[in-house]
Amino acid sequence: LVAGELHPHGLAAPRDAASLALLLEGIRALGIDALPWSEPLRQWQARVVDLRAWAPELGLPDVGDAALLATLDEWLGPFLTGVTRASAIETSILGEALSARLDHAQRRALDEHAPVAITVPSGNARRLEYLPGQPPVLAVKLQELFGLADTPRIAEGRVPLTLHLLSPGGKPLQITQDLRGFWDRTYPEVKREMKGRYPKHPW
């Protein structure tokens, strides 16, 4: 397939339409995984999918795999000017096309209510892992949460994080959405065990 000429504004010339239609048809046949997803883009997708469920009033679009595949012409097509094969689609192109699904206000809301990371009491920013349909996971060393009484929440307090509490060596100690309950009921036992194993760390 050979790309047609471009208009001055970057839009495909009419004779490009058949090439674009064939390309989109090929992507549909291969499936959404044929696109050059990166882990950050999959995380972006999960954040939007989750926030759409948590805050329907924001009017976020459906960016789940099925919806994206069904609307390829609408959201991806305009970004494929001059591209003639799926393997030539770059991750940056996919990222631009996905980002354009949200308007400026929605992008701000996404960053505010479904952040990529949160700052913990230690002062460090720790990344969240988003999974569609589940609360985000915060994997963090236990000492970094000293001083925090309750489970952190996002989406204007609607969604508690799932905490993966780690030892100083990065090994899992506890998974919980009830940090207050952990401090009250489980921490004394963890403290006794960890003090012997990591005597130089504060407990």
N, C-alpha and C. Protein backbone atom coordinates (compact mmCIF):
# COMPACT_ATOMS: atom_id res chain seq x y z
N LEU A 1 0.84 -1.19 0.00
CA LEU A 1 0.00 0.00 0.00
C LEU A 1 0.87 1.24 0.00
N VAL A 2 0.49 2.20 -0.82
CA VAL A 2 1.27 3.43 -0.91
C VAL A 2 0.41 4.58 -0.43
N ALA A 3 0.96 5.41 0.46
CA ALA A 3 0.19 6.54 0.98
C ALA A 3 0.01 7.57 -0.10
N GLY A 4 -1.14 8.23 -0.10
CA GLY A 4 -1.41 9.31 -1.04
C GLY A 4 -0.78 10.60 -0.59
N GLU A 5 -1.04 11.65 -1.34
CA GLU A 5 -0.51 12.95 -0.98
C GLU A 5 -1.24 13.49 0.23
N LEU A 6 -0.65 14.51 0.85
CA LEU A 6 -1.26 15.11 2.02
C LEU A 6 -1.76 16.50 1.68
N HIS A 7 -2.87 16.86 2.26
CA HIS A 7 -3.32 18.23 2.19
C HIS A 7 -2.43 19.07 3.09
N PRO A 8 -2.42 20.41 2.92
CA PRO A 8 -1.58 21.26 3.78
C PRO A 8 -1.87 21.10 5.26
N HIS A 9 -3.10 20.72 5.63
CA HIS A 9 -3.45 20.61 7.04
C HIS A 9 -3.19 19.21 7.59
N GLY A 10 -2.54 18.38 6.80
CA GLY A 10 -2.17 17.07 7.31
C GLY A 10 -3.24 16.01 7.16
N LEU A 11 -4.37 16.32 6.52
CA LEU A 11 -5.43 15.34 6.36
C LEU A 11 -5.15 14.49 5.12
N ALA A 12 -5.58 13.23 5.14
CA ALA A 12 -5.32 12.34 4.02
C ALA A 12 -6.09 12.81 2.79
N ALA A 13 -5.44 12.76 1.66
CA ALA A 13 -6.11 13.06 0.40
C ALA A 13 -7.12 11.95 0.12
N PRO A 14 -8.15 12.23 -0.70
CA PRO A 14 -9.20 11.24 -0.93
C PRO A 14 -8.68 9.88 -1.36
N ARG A 15 -7.62 9.82 -2.17
CA ARG A 15 -7.16 8.51 -2.63
C ARG A 15 -6.46 7.72 -1.53
N ASP A 16 -6.23 8.36 -0.37
CA ASP A 16 -5.70 7.65 0.79
C ASP A 16 -6.79 6.90 1.54
N ALA A 17 -8.03 7.22 1.28
CA ALA A 17 -9.13 6.66 2.06
C ALA A 17 -9.16 5.14 1.98
N ALA A 18 -8.93 4.60 0.78
CA ALA A 18 -8.95 3.14 0.64
C ALA A 18 -7.82 2.49 1.42
N SER A 19 -6.64 3.11 1.40
CA SER A 19 -5.50 2.57 2.15
C SER A 19 -5.79 2.58 3.64
N LEU A 20 -6.37 3.68 4.12
CA LEU A 20 -6.69 3.80 5.54
C LEU A 20 -7.74 2.76 5.93
N ALA A 21 -8.75 2.58 5.09
CA ALA A 21 -9.80 1.61 5.39
C ALA A 21 -9.21 0.20 5.48
N LEU A 22 -8.29 -0.13 4.59
CA LEU A 22 -7.64 -1.45 4.63
C LEU A 22 -6.81 -1.61 5.89
N LEU A 23 -6.10 -0.56 6.27
CA LEU A 23 -5.28 -0.61 7.47
C LEU A 23 -6.13 -0.83 8.71
N LEU A 24 -7.23 -0.08 8.83
CA LEU A 24 -8.11 -0.21 9.99
C LEU A 24 -8.78 -1.58 10.01
N GLU A 25 -9.13 -2.08 8.81
CA GLU A 25 -9.73 -3.41 8.73
C GLU A 25 -8.73 -4.47 9.21
N GLY A 26 -7.46 -4.27 8.83
CA GLY A 26 -6.43 -5.21 9.28
C GLY A 26 -6.25 -5.19 10.78
N ILE A 27 -6.28 -3.99 11.39
CA ILE A 27 -6.14 -3.88 12.84
C ILE A 27 -7.33 -4.55 13.53
N ARG A 28 -8.52 -4.34 12.98
CA ARG A 28 -9.71 -4.97 13.57
C ARG A 28 -9.59 -6.50 13.53
N ALA A 29 -9.04 -7.01 12.43
CA ALA A 29 -8.89 -8.46 12.30
C ALA A 29 -7.86 -9.00 13.30
N LEU A 30 -6.79 -8.25 13.51
CA LEU A 30 -5.72 -8.70 14.41
C LEU A 30 -6.10 -8.53 15.87
N GLY A 31 -6.96 -7.54 16.16
CA GLY A 31 -7.35 -7.26 17.54
C GLY A 31 -6.61 -6.08 18.11
N ILE A 32 -7.12 -5.55 19.20
CA ILE A 32 -6.59 -4.31 19.78
C ILE A 32 -5.15 -4.50 20.28
N ASP A 33 -4.77 -5.73 20.61
CA ASP A 33 -3.41 -6.00 21.09
C ASP A 33 -2.36 -5.84 20.00
N ALA A 34 -2.83 -5.74 18.75
CA ALA A 34 -1.88 -5.54 17.65
C ALA A 34 -1.30 -4.13 17.66
N LEU A 35 -1.94 -3.23 18.36
CA LEU A 35 -1.44 -1.86 18.46
C LEU A 35 -0.25 -1.82 19.42
N PRO A 36 0.64 -0.82 19.27
CA PRO A 36 1.88 -0.80 20.06
C PRO A 36 1.69 -0.26 21.48
N TRP A 37 0.98 -1.04 22.28
CA TRP A 37 0.73 -0.63 23.67
C TRP A 37 2.03 -0.66 24.47
N SER A 38 2.17 0.31 25.36
CA SER A 38 3.21 0.29 26.38
C SER A 38 2.52 0.11 27.73
N GLU A 39 3.27 -0.22 28.75
CA GLU A 39 2.68 -0.36 30.08
C GLU A 39 2.05 0.95 30.55
N PRO A 40 2.71 2.13 30.35
CA PRO A 40 2.06 3.39 30.74
C PRO A 40 0.74 3.63 30.00
N LEU A 41 0.64 3.23 28.73
CA LEU A 41 -0.61 3.41 28.00
C LEU A 41 -1.69 2.47 28.53
N ARG A 42 -1.31 1.26 28.86
CA ARG A 42 -2.30 0.35 29.45
C ARG A 42 -2.75 0.87 30.82
N GLN A 43 -1.84 1.47 31.57
CA GLN A 43 -2.21 2.07 32.85
C GLN A 43 -3.14 3.26 32.64
N TRP A 44 -2.87 4.08 31.63
CA TRP A 44 -3.76 5.20 31.28
C TRP A 44 -5.16 4.66 30.98
N GLN A 45 -5.22 3.62 30.18
CA GLN A 45 -6.51 3.03 29.82
C GLN A 45 -7.26 2.56 31.06
N ALA A 46 -6.56 1.85 31.96
CA ALA A 46 -7.20 1.34 33.17
C ALA A 46 -7.67 2.49 34.05
N ARG A 47 -6.89 3.56 34.14
CA ARG A 47 -7.30 4.73 34.94
C ARG A 47 -8.60 5.33 34.40
N VAL A 48 -8.68 5.48 33.08
CA VAL A 48 -9.88 6.06 32.49
C VAL A 48 -11.09 5.12 32.68
N VAL A 49 -10.88 3.83 32.42
CA VAL A 49 -11.96 2.87 32.60
C VAL A 49 -12.48 2.90 34.03
N ASP A 50 -11.56 2.91 34.98
CA ASP A 50 -11.96 2.90 36.39
C ASP A 50 -12.65 4.21 36.78
N LEU A 51 -12.06 5.34 36.41
CA LEU A 51 -12.65 6.62 36.81
C LEU A 51 -14.01 6.81 36.16
N ARG A 52 -14.19 6.29 34.97
CA ARG A 52 -15.50 6.37 34.30
C ARG A 52 -16.56 5.67 35.14
N ALA A 53 -16.18 4.56 35.78
CA ALA A 53 -17.11 3.83 36.64
C ALA A 53 -17.30 4.55 37.98
N TRP A 54 -16.22 5.10 38.53
CA TRP A 54 -16.30 5.74 39.84
C TRP A 54 -17.00 7.10 39.80
N ALA A 55 -16.83 7.83 38.71
CA ALA A 55 -17.35 9.20 38.61
C ALA A 55 -18.04 9.39 37.26
N PRO A 56 -19.21 8.77 37.07
CA PRO A 56 -19.89 8.87 35.77
C PRO A 56 -20.24 10.30 35.37
N GLU A 57 -20.31 11.18 36.37
CA GLU A 57 -20.67 12.58 36.07
C GLU A 57 -19.60 13.29 35.24
N LEU A 58 -18.39 12.71 35.18
CA LEU A 58 -17.32 13.34 34.39
C LEU A 58 -17.52 13.12 32.89
N GLY A 59 -18.38 12.15 32.52
CA GLY A 59 -18.65 11.91 31.11
C GLY A 59 -17.47 11.38 30.33
N LEU A 60 -16.62 10.59 30.98
CA LEU A 60 -15.45 10.04 30.29
C LEU A 60 -15.89 9.02 29.23
N PRO A 61 -15.17 8.95 28.12
CA PRO A 61 -15.54 7.99 27.07
C PRO A 61 -15.16 6.58 27.48
N ASP A 62 -15.79 5.62 26.82
CA ASP A 62 -15.44 4.21 27.03
C ASP A 62 -14.17 3.92 26.23
N VAL A 63 -13.08 3.62 26.94
CA VAL A 63 -11.82 3.29 26.27
C VAL A 63 -11.41 1.85 26.54
N GLY A 64 -12.38 1.01 26.89
CA GLY A 64 -12.11 -0.42 27.02
C GLY A 64 -11.75 -1.00 25.66
N ASP A 65 -11.14 -2.17 25.65
CA ASP A 65 -10.67 -2.78 24.41
C ASP A 65 -11.78 -2.91 23.38
N ALA A 66 -12.95 -3.39 23.80
CA ALA A 66 -14.05 -3.62 22.85
C ALA A 66 -14.51 -2.31 22.23
N ALA A 67 -14.64 -1.27 23.07
CA ALA A 67 -15.09 0.03 22.56
C ALA A 67 -14.06 0.64 21.61
N LEU A 68 -12.78 0.51 21.96
CA LEU A 68 -11.74 1.06 21.09
C LEU A 68 -11.73 0.35 19.74
N LEU A 69 -11.89 -0.96 19.75
CA LEU A 69 -11.88 -1.71 18.50
C LEU A 69 -13.08 -1.34 17.62
N ALA A 70 -14.22 -1.11 18.28
CA ALA A 70 -15.44 -0.79 17.53
C ALA A 70 -15.42 0.61 16.93
N THR A 71 -14.58 1.48 17.47
CA THR A 71 -14.58 2.89 17.03
C THR A 71 -13.22 3.30 16.47
N LEU A 72 -12.46 2.36 15.93
CA LEU A 72 -11.12 2.65 15.40
C LEU A 72 -11.12 3.82 14.42
N ASP A 73 -12.10 3.82 13.51
CA ASP A 73 -12.16 4.87 12.49
C ASP A 73 -12.24 6.25 13.13
N GLU A 74 -12.99 6.32 14.24
CA GLU A 74 -13.26 7.61 14.88
C GLU A 74 -12.05 8.16 15.63
N TRP A 75 -11.39 7.33 16.40
CA TRP A 75 -10.34 7.87 17.28
C TRP A 75 -8.92 7.65 16.75
N LEU A 76 -8.70 6.55 16.01
CA LEU A 76 -7.34 6.26 15.54
C LEU A 76 -7.13 6.71 14.10
N GLY A 77 -8.15 6.57 13.30
CA GLY A 77 -8.04 6.91 11.89
C GLY A 77 -7.41 8.26 11.61
N PRO A 78 -7.85 9.34 12.29
CA PRO A 78 -7.30 10.67 12.00
C PRO A 78 -5.80 10.80 12.29
N PHE A 79 -5.23 9.86 13.04
CA PHE A 79 -3.81 9.94 13.40
C PHE A 79 -2.93 9.05 12.52
N LEU A 80 -3.54 8.43 11.52
CA LEU A 80 -2.78 7.47 10.70
C LEU A 80 -2.45 8.01 9.32
N THR A 81 -2.44 9.31 9.17
CA THR A 81 -2.09 9.90 7.88
C THR A 81 -0.71 9.43 7.43
N GLY A 82 -0.65 8.85 6.27
CA GLY A 82 0.62 8.41 5.73
C GLY A 82 1.10 7.07 6.22
N VAL A 83 0.39 6.46 7.19
CA VAL A 83 0.76 5.15 7.70
C VAL A 83 0.07 4.08 6.86
N THR A 84 0.80 3.10 6.41
CA THR A 84 0.22 2.09 5.51
C THR A 84 0.19 0.69 6.10
N ARG A 85 0.82 0.47 7.24
CA ARG A 85 0.79 -0.87 7.85
C ARG A 85 0.81 -0.74 9.37
N ALA A 86 0.21 -1.72 10.02
CA ALA A 86 0.06 -1.67 11.47
C ALA A 86 1.42 -1.59 12.18
N SER A 87 2.43 -2.26 11.62
CA SER A 87 3.74 -2.28 12.27
C SER A 87 4.42 -0.91 12.25
N ALA A 88 3.89 0.01 11.42
CA ALA A 88 4.48 1.34 11.35
C ALA A 88 3.85 2.32 12.33
N ILE A 89 2.82 1.86 13.04
CA ILE A 89 2.19 2.73 14.04
C ILE A 89 3.10 2.78 15.27
N GLU A 90 3.53 3.95 15.65
CA GLU A 90 4.42 4.09 16.80
C GLU A 90 3.62 4.26 18.08
N THR A 91 4.24 3.91 19.19
CA THR A 91 3.58 4.06 20.49
C THR A 91 3.18 5.51 20.73
N SER A 92 4.00 6.46 20.27
CA SER A 92 3.67 7.87 20.47
C SER A 92 2.39 8.25 19.72
N ILE A 93 2.19 7.67 18.54
CA ILE A 93 0.96 7.94 17.78
C ILE A 93 -0.24 7.39 18.54
N LEU A 94 -0.12 6.17 19.03
CA LEU A 94 -1.21 5.57 19.80
C LEU A 94 -1.52 6.42 21.02
N GLY A 95 -0.48 6.89 21.72
CA GLY A 95 -0.68 7.73 22.90
C GLY A 95 -1.41 9.02 22.58
N GLU A 96 -1.04 9.67 21.48
CA GLU A 96 -1.70 10.91 21.08
C GLU A 96 -3.17 10.66 20.76
N ALA A 97 -3.43 9.58 20.04
CA ALA A 97 -4.79 9.27 19.65
C ALA A 97 -5.66 8.97 20.87
N LEU A 98 -5.13 8.22 21.81
CA LEU A 98 -5.88 7.91 23.03
C LEU A 98 -6.12 9.16 23.86
N SER A 99 -5.08 9.95 24.04
CA SER A 99 -5.21 11.17 24.84
C SER A 99 -6.27 12.10 24.28
N ALA A 100 -6.39 12.13 22.94
CA ALA A 100 -7.35 13.01 22.29
C ALA A 100 -8.79 12.59 22.56
N ARG A 101 -8.98 11.39 23.12
CA ARG A 101 -10.35 10.96 23.48
C ARG A 101 -10.90 11.79 24.63
N LEU A 102 -10.00 12.41 25.40
CA LEU A 102 -10.42 13.23 26.54
C LEU A 102 -10.21 14.70 26.24
N ASP A 103 -11.14 15.52 26.69
CA ASP A 103 -10.92 16.96 26.54
C ASP A 103 -10.06 17.45 27.70
N HIS A 104 -9.73 18.74 27.66
CA HIS A 104 -8.80 19.28 28.66
C HIS A 104 -9.32 19.08 30.08
N ALA A 105 -10.59 19.34 30.31
CA ALA A 105 -11.16 19.20 31.65
C ALA A 105 -11.12 17.74 32.11
N GLN A 106 -11.38 16.83 31.21
CA GLN A 106 -11.35 15.41 31.57
C GLN A 106 -9.94 14.94 31.86
N ARG A 107 -8.96 15.46 31.13
CA ARG A 107 -7.56 15.09 31.41
C ARG A 107 -7.14 15.58 32.79
N ARG A 108 -7.56 16.79 33.14
CA ARG A 108 -7.26 17.31 34.48
C ARG A 108 -7.93 16.47 35.55
N ALA A 109 -9.18 16.11 35.31
CA ALA A 109 -9.91 15.29 36.29
C ALA A 109 -9.24 13.93 36.46
N LEU A 110 -8.75 13.36 35.36
CA LEU A 110 -8.07 12.07 35.44
C LEU A 110 -6.83 12.17 36.32
N ASP A 111 -6.03 13.20 36.12
CA ASP A 111 -4.81 13.37 36.91
C ASP A 111 -5.13 13.63 38.39
N GLU A 112 -6.25 14.30 38.62
CA GLU A 112 -6.61 14.65 40.01
C GLU A 112 -7.25 13.48 40.74
N HIS A 113 -8.15 12.77 40.08
CA HIS A 113 -8.96 11.76 40.77
C HIS A 113 -8.45 10.33 40.58
N ALA A 114 -7.62 10.11 39.56
CA ALA A 114 -7.01 8.79 39.36
C ALA A 114 -5.53 9.00 39.08
N PRO A 115 -4.79 9.48 40.07
CA PRO A 115 -3.39 9.87 39.84
C PRO A 115 -2.49 8.68 39.54
N VAL A 116 -1.41 8.97 38.85
CA VAL A 116 -0.42 7.95 38.54
C VAL A 116 0.30 7.51 39.81
N ALA A 117 0.50 8.45 40.74
CA ALA A 117 1.23 8.17 41.98
C ALA A 117 0.66 9.03 43.09
N ILE A 118 0.92 8.64 44.33
CA ILE A 118 0.57 9.48 45.47
C ILE A 118 1.81 9.62 46.37
N THR A 119 1.83 10.69 47.12
CA THR A 119 2.94 10.92 48.06
C THR A 119 2.57 10.31 49.40
N VAL A 120 3.45 9.48 49.94
CA VAL A 120 3.22 8.81 51.22
C VAL A 120 3.92 9.60 52.33
N PRO A 121 3.64 9.29 53.60
CA PRO A 121 4.22 10.06 54.70
C PRO A 121 5.75 10.18 54.69
N SER A 122 6.44 9.22 54.07
CA SER A 122 7.91 9.32 54.00
C SER A 122 8.36 10.46 53.11
N GLY A 123 7.41 11.02 52.33
CA GLY A 123 7.75 12.09 51.40
C GLY A 123 8.00 11.61 49.99
N ASN A 124 8.03 10.29 49.82
CA ASN A 124 8.27 9.72 48.49
C ASN A 124 6.96 9.58 47.71
N ALA A 125 7.05 9.75 46.40
CA ALA A 125 5.91 9.49 45.52
C ALA A 125 5.96 8.02 45.12
N ARG A 126 4.87 7.33 45.34
CA ARG A 126 4.79 5.91 45.00
C ARG A 126 3.70 5.67 43.97
N ARG A 127 4.07 4.91 42.93
CA ARG A 127 3.15 4.69 41.82
C ARG A 127 1.99 3.78 42.25
N LEU A 128 0.85 4.03 41.64
CA LEU A 128 -0.31 3.16 41.83
C LEU A 128 -0.42 2.24 40.62
N GLU A 129 -0.91 1.05 40.86
CA GLU A 129 -1.17 0.12 39.76
C GLU A 129 -2.68 -0.01 39.60
N TYR A 130 -3.16 0.33 38.42
CA TYR A 130 -4.60 0.28 38.14
C TYR A 130 -4.95 -1.00 37.39
N LEU A 131 -6.05 -1.61 37.80
CA LEU A 131 -6.59 -2.80 37.14
C LEU A 131 -8.07 -2.52 36.90
N PRO A 132 -8.53 -2.62 35.66
CA PRO A 132 -9.94 -2.31 35.38
C PRO A 132 -10.89 -3.10 36.29
N GLY A 133 -11.79 -2.37 36.92
CA GLY A 133 -12.80 -3.00 37.76
C GLY A 133 -12.34 -3.32 39.17
N GLN A 134 -11.12 -2.93 39.53
CA GLN A 134 -10.62 -3.20 40.88
C GLN A 134 -10.03 -1.93 41.49
N PRO A 135 -9.97 -1.86 42.82
CA PRO A 135 -9.31 -0.71 43.44
C PRO A 135 -7.83 -0.69 43.07
N PRO A 136 -7.24 0.47 42.89
CA PRO A 136 -5.80 0.54 42.59
C PRO A 136 -4.96 -0.01 43.72
N VAL A 137 -3.78 -0.51 43.35
CA VAL A 137 -2.86 -1.11 44.32
C VAL A 137 -1.72 -0.13 44.59
N LEU A 138 -1.45 0.06 45.89
CA LEU A 138 -0.26 0.81 46.32
C LEU A 138 0.66 -0.17 47.03
N ALA A 139 1.78 -0.50 46.40
CA ALA A 139 2.78 -1.36 47.03
C ALA A 139 3.82 -0.45 47.67
N VAL A 140 3.98 -0.55 48.98
CA VAL A 140 4.83 0.40 49.70
C VAL A 140 5.40 -0.26 50.95
N LYS A 141 6.64 0.10 51.27
CA LYS A 141 7.25 -0.42 52.49
C LYS A 141 6.50 0.14 53.70
N LEU A 142 6.29 -0.72 54.67
CA LEU A 142 5.48 -0.38 55.83
C LEU A 142 5.96 0.90 56.52
N GLN A 143 7.29 1.05 56.65
CA GLN A 143 7.82 2.23 57.35
C GLN A 143 7.42 3.54 56.68
N GLU A 144 7.18 3.49 55.37
CA GLU A 144 6.84 4.70 54.64
C GLU A 144 5.45 5.21 54.99
N LEU A 145 4.67 4.38 55.67
CA LEU A 145 3.31 4.79 56.05
C LEU A 145 3.20 5.17 57.52
N PHE A 146 4.31 5.14 58.24
CA PHE A 146 4.25 5.54 59.64
C PHE A 146 3.68 6.95 59.74
N GLY A 147 2.69 7.10 60.60
CA GLY A 147 2.05 8.41 60.75
C GLY A 147 0.74 8.53 59.99
N LEU A 148 0.44 7.56 59.15
CA LEU A 148 -0.81 7.58 58.38
C LEU A 148 -1.80 6.64 59.06
N ALA A 149 -2.91 7.19 59.55
CA ALA A 149 -3.84 6.40 60.35
C ALA A 149 -4.77 5.55 59.49
N ASP A 150 -5.22 6.10 58.37
CA ASP A 150 -6.25 5.42 57.58
C ASP A 150 -5.79 5.17 56.15
N THR A 151 -6.47 4.24 55.51
CA THR A 151 -6.18 3.89 54.12
C THR A 151 -6.34 5.11 53.21
N PRO A 152 -5.35 5.42 52.38
CA PRO A 152 -5.50 6.53 51.43
C PRO A 152 -6.63 6.23 50.44
N ARG A 153 -7.30 7.29 50.02
CA ARG A 153 -8.41 7.15 49.07
C ARG A 153 -8.19 8.09 47.89
N ILE A 154 -8.74 7.73 46.75
CA ILE A 154 -8.70 8.59 45.58
C ILE A 154 -10.12 8.80 45.07
N ALA A 155 -10.26 9.49 43.94
CA ALA A 155 -11.58 9.76 43.34
C ALA A 155 -12.48 10.47 44.34
N GLU A 156 -11.96 11.57 44.88
CA GLU A 156 -12.69 12.38 45.87
C GLU A 156 -13.14 11.56 47.06
N GLY A 157 -12.28 10.64 47.49
CA GLY A 157 -12.56 9.84 48.68
C GLY A 157 -13.45 8.64 48.44
N ARG A 158 -13.82 8.39 47.19
CA ARG A 158 -14.76 7.30 46.93
C ARG A 158 -14.10 5.93 46.92
N VAL A 159 -12.80 5.89 46.63
CA VAL A 159 -12.16 4.59 46.39
C VAL A 159 -10.94 4.41 47.29
N PRO A 160 -11.00 3.45 48.24
CA PRO A 160 -9.81 3.16 49.05
C PRO A 160 -8.80 2.35 48.25
N LEU A 161 -7.54 2.64 48.43
CA LEU A 161 -6.50 1.87 47.76
C LEU A 161 -6.36 0.49 48.41
N THR A 162 -5.92 -0.46 47.64
CA THR A 162 -5.51 -1.75 48.19
C THR A 162 -4.03 -1.66 48.50
N LEU A 163 -3.68 -1.77 49.77
CA LEU A 163 -2.30 -1.60 50.20
C LEU A 163 -1.57 -2.94 50.23
N HIS A 164 -0.45 -2.99 49.53
CA HIS A 164 0.46 -4.13 49.65
C HIS A 164 1.61 -3.65 50.54
N LEU A 165 1.54 -3.99 51.80
CA LEU A 165 2.53 -3.53 52.78
C LEU A 165 3.75 -4.43 52.70
N LEU A 166 4.91 -3.80 52.53
CA LEU A 166 6.15 -4.56 52.29
C LEU A 166 7.13 -4.42 53.45
N SER A 167 7.97 -5.43 53.60
CA SER A 167 9.06 -5.37 54.57
C SER A 167 10.17 -4.47 54.04
N PRO A 168 11.17 -4.14 54.87
CA PRO A 168 12.31 -3.36 54.36
C PRO A 168 13.00 -4.02 53.18
N GLY A 169 12.89 -5.34 53.08
CA GLY A 169 13.49 -6.06 51.97
C GLY A 169 12.58 -6.18 50.76
N GLY A 170 11.39 -5.56 50.84
CA GLY A 170 10.47 -5.57 49.71
C GLY A 170 9.57 -6.79 49.65
N LYS A 171 9.56 -7.61 50.72
CA LYS A 171 8.70 -8.79 50.73
C LYS A 171 7.32 -8.43 51.29
N PRO A 172 6.26 -9.03 50.75
CA PRO A 172 4.91 -8.69 51.21
C PRO A 172 4.66 -9.14 52.65
N LEU A 173 4.11 -8.23 53.44
CA LEU A 173 3.75 -8.52 54.83
C LEU A 173 2.25 -8.67 54.98
N GLN A 174 1.50 -7.82 54.27
CA GLN A 174 0.05 -7.80 54.44
C GLN A 174 -0.58 -7.11 53.24
N ILE A 175 -1.75 -7.59 52.85
CA ILE A 175 -2.57 -6.90 51.85
C ILE A 175 -3.86 -6.47 52.55
N THR A 176 -4.17 -5.19 52.47
CA THR A 176 -5.34 -4.70 53.21
C THR A 176 -5.91 -3.43 52.60
N GLN A 177 -7.19 -3.23 52.82
CA GLN A 177 -7.82 -1.94 52.53
C GLN A 177 -8.22 -1.25 53.83
N ASP A 178 -7.81 -1.85 54.94
CA ASP A 178 -8.16 -1.31 56.26
C ASP A 178 -6.88 -1.05 57.04
N LEU A 179 -6.24 0.08 56.75
CA LEU A 179 -4.97 0.38 57.40
C LEU A 179 -5.16 0.59 58.90
N ARG A 180 -6.24 1.24 59.31
CA ARG A 180 -6.48 1.45 60.74
C ARG A 180 -6.60 0.11 61.46
N GLY A 181 -7.32 -0.82 60.86
CA GLY A 181 -7.45 -2.14 61.46
C GLY A 181 -6.12 -2.87 61.52
N PHE A 182 -5.29 -2.67 60.49
CA PHE A 182 -3.96 -3.28 60.50
C PHE A 182 -3.15 -2.76 61.67
N TRP A 183 -3.13 -1.42 61.86
CA TRP A 183 -2.36 -0.86 62.98
C TRP A 183 -2.86 -1.41 64.31
N ASP A 184 -4.18 -1.52 64.44
CA ASP A 184 -4.77 -1.93 65.72
C ASP A 184 -4.57 -3.41 66.01
N ARG A 185 -4.76 -4.24 64.99
CA ARG A 185 -4.84 -5.68 65.25
C ARG A 185 -3.62 -6.48 64.80
N THR A 186 -3.03 -6.11 63.69
CA THR A 186 -1.99 -6.95 63.09
C THR A 186 -0.58 -6.43 63.32
N TYR A 187 -0.45 -5.10 63.40
CA TYR A 187 0.88 -4.51 63.46
C TYR A 187 1.70 -4.98 64.67
N PRO A 188 1.11 -5.09 65.88
CA PRO A 188 1.94 -5.53 67.02
C PRO A 188 2.67 -6.85 66.76
N GLU A 189 1.98 -7.80 66.11
CA GLU A 189 2.61 -9.08 65.81
C GLU A 189 3.69 -8.92 64.72
N VAL A 190 3.38 -8.13 63.69
CA VAL A 190 4.34 -7.88 62.62
C VAL A 190 5.57 -7.19 63.19
N LYS A 191 5.34 -6.25 64.08
CA LYS A 191 6.44 -5.50 64.69
C LYS A 191 7.39 -6.43 65.44
N ARG A 192 6.83 -7.36 66.21
CA ARG A 192 7.66 -8.30 66.98
C ARG A 192 8.53 -9.13 66.04
N GLU A 193 7.92 -9.61 64.96
CA GLU A 193 8.65 -10.46 64.04
C GLU A 193 9.70 -9.67 63.26
N MET A 194 9.33 -8.48 62.80
CA MET A 194 10.22 -7.68 61.96
C MET A 194 11.38 -7.08 62.75
N LYS A 195 11.15 -6.81 64.02
CA LYS A 195 12.22 -6.25 64.86
C LYS A 195 13.40 -7.21 64.94
N GLY A 196 13.09 -8.49 65.01
CA GLY A 196 14.16 -9.49 65.06
C GLY A 196 14.86 -9.64 63.73
N ARG A 197 14.10 -9.47 62.64
CA ARG A 197 14.66 -9.68 61.31
C ARG A 197 15.38 -8.44 60.79
N TYR A 198 14.85 -7.27 61.13
CA TYR A 198 15.43 -6.01 60.66
C TYR A 198 15.63 -5.08 61.87
N PRO A 199 16.60 -5.40 62.73
CA PRO A 199 16.76 -4.66 63.98
C PRO A 199 17.20 -3.20 63.76
N LYS A 200 17.78 -2.88 62.61
CA LYS A 200 18.27 -1.51 62.39
C LYS A 200 17.18 -0.58 61.88
N HIS A 201 16.02 -1.12 61.54
CA HIS A 201 14.93 -0.30 61.01
C HIS A 201 14.00 0.12 62.15
N PRO A 202 13.40 1.29 62.05
CA PRO A 202 12.45 1.73 63.06
C PRO A 202 11.17 0.92 62.99
N TRP A 203 10.67 0.53 64.14
CA TRP A 203 9.41 -0.20 64.21
C TRP A 203 8.52 0.42 65.29
